[in-house]
Protein backbone atom coordinates (compact mmCIF):
# COMPACT_ATOMS: atom_id res chain seq x y z
CA MET A 1 -8.67 -17.83 4.72
CA THR A 2 -12.40 -17.97 5.35
CA ASP A 3 -15.33 -16.12 3.84
CA ASP A 4 -16.01 -14.11 7.01
CA LEU A 5 -13.05 -11.73 6.60
CA THR A 6 -13.70 -8.03 6.80
CA PRO A 7 -13.60 -6.36 3.36
CA GLU A 8 -10.36 -4.65 4.40
CA LEU A 9 -8.63 -7.86 5.40
CA ALA A 10 -9.94 -9.71 2.35
CA ALA A 11 -8.58 -6.95 0.10
CA PHE A 12 -5.23 -6.95 1.88
CA VAL A 13 -4.88 -10.71 1.52
CA ALA A 14 -5.92 -10.73 -2.14
CA GLU A 15 -3.62 -7.92 -3.20
CA CYS A 16 -0.68 -9.21 -1.17
CA ARG A 17 -0.99 -12.66 -2.68
CA ALA A 18 -0.91 -11.07 -6.11
CA VAL A 19 2.13 -8.96 -5.22
CA GLU A 20 3.97 -11.99 -3.88
CA ASP A 21 3.31 -13.83 -7.13
CA THR A 22 4.42 -10.86 -9.24
CA LEU A 23 7.66 -10.45 -7.29
CA HIS A 24 8.36 -14.15 -7.65
CA GLN A 25 8.19 -13.82 -11.42
CA VAL A 26 10.46 -10.78 -11.85
CA PRO A 27 13.30 -11.69 -14.26
CA PRO A 28 16.78 -11.38 -12.69
CA ASP A 29 17.78 -8.64 -15.12
CA ALA A 30 14.70 -6.50 -14.37
CA TRP A 31 15.43 -5.45 -10.79
CA ALA A 32 17.54 -2.47 -11.87
CA ARG A 33 14.73 -1.02 -13.99
CA PRO A 34 13.31 2.40 -13.08
CA ALA A 35 10.09 1.80 -11.19
CA LEU A 36 8.85 4.90 -9.36
CA GLY A 37 10.56 8.28 -9.24
CA GLU A 38 14.16 7.67 -8.23
CA TRP A 39 13.47 4.09 -7.16
CA THR A 40 14.53 1.02 -9.04
CA LEU A 41 12.29 -2.03 -8.95
CA HIS A 42 14.64 -3.44 -6.30
CA GLU A 43 14.08 -0.39 -4.07
CA LEU A 44 10.34 -0.36 -4.69
CA ALA A 45 10.21 -3.97 -3.51
CA ALA A 46 11.87 -2.91 -0.26
CA HIS A 47 9.21 -0.25 0.20
CA LEU A 48 6.48 -2.80 -0.48
CA VAL A 49 7.80 -5.12 2.21
CA ARG A 50 7.66 -2.26 4.70
CA GLN A 51 4.08 -1.44 3.75
CA ALA A 52 3.12 -5.07 4.25
CA ASP A 53 4.74 -5.49 7.66
CA ARG A 54 3.66 -2.24 9.35
CA LEU A 55 0.51 -3.62 10.94
CA ASP A 56 2.55 -6.38 12.52
CA VAL A 57 5.18 -3.93 13.76
CA TYR A 58 2.75 -1.31 15.02
CA GLY A 59 0.40 -3.90 16.45
CA ALA A 60 3.22 -5.34 18.55
CA ALA A 61 3.99 -1.93 20.07
CA PRO A 62 2.39 -0.77 23.32
CA THR A 63 -1.13 0.58 22.94
CA PRO A 64 -1.02 4.38 22.57
CA ALA A 65 -2.05 6.39 25.60
CA ALA A 66 -4.48 8.39 23.47
CA GLN A 67 -8.12 7.41 23.87
CA HIS A 68 -9.16 8.44 20.37
CA PRO A 69 -7.69 7.92 16.90
CA ALA A 70 -5.82 10.81 15.31
CA ALA A 71 -7.00 9.96 11.79
CA ASP A 72 -8.93 7.49 9.71
CA ARG A 73 -8.24 5.71 6.40
CA VAL A 74 -8.91 8.90 4.43
CA SER A 75 -7.31 11.64 6.52
CA TYR A 76 -4.25 9.45 7.11
CA PHE A 77 -3.01 10.52 3.70
CA ASP A 78 -3.20 14.24 4.43
CA GLY A 79 0.27 15.75 4.09
CA THR A 80 1.99 12.53 3.07
CA ALA A 81 4.00 14.40 0.44
CA ASP A 82 5.93 15.96 3.32
CA LEU A 83 7.31 12.53 4.18
CA ALA A 84 8.35 11.62 0.64
CA ALA A 85 12.06 12.37 0.94
CA ASP A 86 12.46 10.32 4.13
CA VAL A 87 10.44 7.46 2.67
CA ALA A 88 12.56 7.41 -0.49
CA GLN A 89 15.83 7.37 1.43
CA ARG A 90 14.61 4.64 3.78
CA ALA A 91 13.62 2.39 0.88
CA ARG A 92 17.05 2.78 -0.71
CA ALA A 93 18.74 1.95 2.58
CA GLN A 94 16.53 -1.08 3.21
CA ALA A 95 17.23 -2.43 -0.27
CA GLU A 96 20.99 -2.40 0.20
CA GLY A 97 22.52 -5.84 0.49
CA VAL A 98 19.27 -7.74 -0.07
CA PRO A 99 19.44 -10.33 -2.87
CA PRO A 100 16.55 -9.50 -5.22
CA ALA A 101 15.50 -13.13 -5.34
CA GLU A 102 14.48 -12.83 -1.68
CA TRP A 103 11.84 -10.12 -2.15
CA SER A 104 8.94 -12.45 -2.84
CA GLN A 105 9.64 -14.51 0.27
CA ARG A 106 10.24 -11.44 2.42
CA PHE A 107 7.05 -9.85 1.23
CA GLY A 108 5.11 -13.06 1.86
CA SER A 109 6.41 -13.30 5.41
CA ALA A 110 5.63 -9.62 6.03
CA TRP A 111 1.99 -9.64 4.98
CA ARG A 112 1.22 -12.93 6.68
CA ALA A 113 2.68 -11.58 9.93
CA SER A 114 0.40 -8.54 9.65
CA VAL A 115 -2.64 -10.75 9.05
CA ALA A 116 -1.78 -12.81 12.12
CA ARG A 117 -1.25 -9.67 14.22
CA PHE A 118 -4.59 -8.26 13.12
CA GLY A 119 -6.24 -11.46 14.27
CA GLU A 120 -4.62 -11.04 17.68
CA ILE A 121 -5.38 -7.38 18.33
CA GLY A 122 -8.72 -6.98 16.57
CA PRO A 123 -10.07 -4.15 14.42
CA GLU A 124 -10.69 -1.54 17.13
CA ARG A 125 -7.30 -1.62 18.86
CA LEU A 126 -5.40 1.65 18.43
CA VAL A 127 -1.96 1.22 16.89
CA PRO A 128 0.80 3.85 16.81
CA THR A 129 1.60 5.12 13.31
CA VAL A 130 3.57 7.97 11.77
CA LYS A 131 0.31 9.94 11.64
CA GLY A 132 -0.68 9.21 15.23
CA PRO A 133 -2.84 6.41 16.64
CA LEU A 134 -5.28 4.71 14.28
CA ALA A 135 -7.77 1.93 14.79
CA ALA A 136 -6.20 -1.24 13.41
CA LEU A 137 -8.96 -1.67 10.80
CA GLU A 138 -8.47 1.88 9.52
CA PHE A 139 -4.71 1.42 9.34
CA LEU A 140 -5.19 -1.88 7.52
CA ALA A 141 -7.24 -0.03 4.90
CA THR A 142 -4.34 2.36 4.33
CA ARG A 143 -2.06 -0.62 3.77
CA VAL A 144 -4.43 -1.92 1.12
CA LEU A 145 -4.10 1.35 -0.77
CA GLU A 146 -0.32 1.38 -0.43
CA VAL A 147 0.13 -2.23 -1.51
CA THR A 148 -2.39 -1.93 -4.35
CA VAL A 149 -0.93 1.24 -5.85
CA HIS A 150 2.65 0.02 -5.59
CA HIS A 151 1.73 -3.34 -7.06
CA MET A 152 0.44 -1.35 -10.03
CA ASP A 153 3.85 0.40 -10.13
CA VAL A 154 5.67 -2.92 -10.15
CA ARG A 155 3.50 -4.23 -12.95
CA ALA A 156 4.03 -1.07 -14.99
CA ALA A 157 7.80 -1.38 -14.54
CA LEU A 158 7.56 -4.92 -15.88
CA ASP A 159 5.54 -3.77 -18.90
CA LEU A 160 2.45 -5.54 -17.58
CA PRO A 161 -1.02 -3.97 -17.41
CA PRO A 162 -1.10 -1.98 -14.14
CA THR A 163 -4.35 -3.54 -13.00
CA PRO A 164 -5.08 -4.17 -9.32
CA THR A 165 -6.98 -7.13 -7.93
CA PRO A 166 -10.75 -6.54 -7.79
CA GLU A 167 -10.67 -6.47 -3.99
CA GLY A 168 -7.68 -4.15 -3.69
CA GLY A 169 -8.93 -1.94 -6.49
CA ARG A 170 -12.38 -1.49 -4.95
CA LEU A 171 -11.09 -0.47 -1.54
CA THR A 172 -8.40 1.78 -2.97
CA MET A 173 -10.95 3.46 -5.20
CA ALA A 174 -13.30 3.97 -2.26
CA ILE A 175 -10.59 5.76 -0.25
CA LEU A 176 -9.66 7.94 -3.20
CA GLU A 177 -13.31 8.75 -3.92
CA ALA A 178 -13.68 9.79 -0.28
CA ARG A 179 -10.74 12.14 -0.73
CA LEU A 180 -12.33 13.48 -3.90
CA GLY A 181 -15.64 13.90 -2.09
CA GLN A 182 -17.66 12.24 -4.84
CA PRO A 183 -17.62 9.22 -7.16
CA ARG A 184 -14.87 8.97 -9.74
CA PRO A 185 -15.46 10.75 -13.06
CA ARG A 186 -17.81 8.70 -15.21
CA ALA A 187 -15.33 8.63 -18.08
CA MET A 188 -12.68 6.96 -15.91
CA GLY A 189 -12.50 3.27 -15.21
CA ARG A 190 -11.19 2.09 -11.88
CA THR A 191 -7.58 1.63 -12.98
CA ARG A 192 -7.37 4.99 -14.77
CA PHE A 193 -8.96 6.71 -11.79
CA ILE A 194 -6.43 5.23 -9.34
CA LEU A 195 -3.54 6.18 -11.61
CA ALA A 196 -4.80 9.73 -12.09
CA ALA A 197 -5.70 10.18 -8.43
CA THR A 198 -2.20 9.16 -7.35
CA GLY A 199 -0.39 11.31 -9.93
CA ARG A 200 0.64 8.45 -12.17
CA LEU A 201 -1.54 9.42 -15.13
CA PRO A 202 -1.55 13.01 -16.44
CA THR A 203 -4.98 14.62 -16.54
CA ASP A 204 -6.42 18.06 -17.16
CA ASP A 205 -8.74 17.66 -14.17
CA PRO A 206 -7.52 20.24 -11.60
CA ARG A 207 -8.75 18.06 -8.74
CA PHE A 208 -5.99 15.53 -9.37
CA PRO A 209 -3.77 14.21 -7.96
CA LEU A 210 -5.54 13.47 -4.71
CA LEU A 211 -2.34 12.20 -3.15
CA SER A 212 1.18 11.58 -4.38
């Protein structure tokens, strides 16, 4: 990778490399651990692979007929709670029959395919998503948030500090601050803000969570 990457692509690459390394180091007896809601670590890994490969999948699809994007990196997350049940069931189904030892390699192949696809289609190309057509760069930013937050979930399940990479953390925080409509509370560091904003850290602030 070169130094002329967009901030979004640089963040995606940095966080995905970290996720791949974390998945590679998961002990064999840890995959059945609770990780997020009803998901085990094994099922969360399946969800992570899907988040990493979506830009490749959507970028390979025909260009949407729409001339304008339906959302951006911030509004994409409006109403995502409505999709939670389907997302949870899909992750469980995709995890079935997959040897846990394969998740690191599968994840690595998925994110690298998305990086290659982004290079082919460019940042402005509209791609079809579950929320309507998005510019590829805006959709890539949503993948950074997804991969970053779920990497934090994986680390927490492994009893590791749930800290994101600097690149992934910065972009994720920026999206969440945009949803909040102002900078994060001054008393919150980046990691605590991301956890609170995504419903993973209880808080008395009525503005949270910003998404779940």
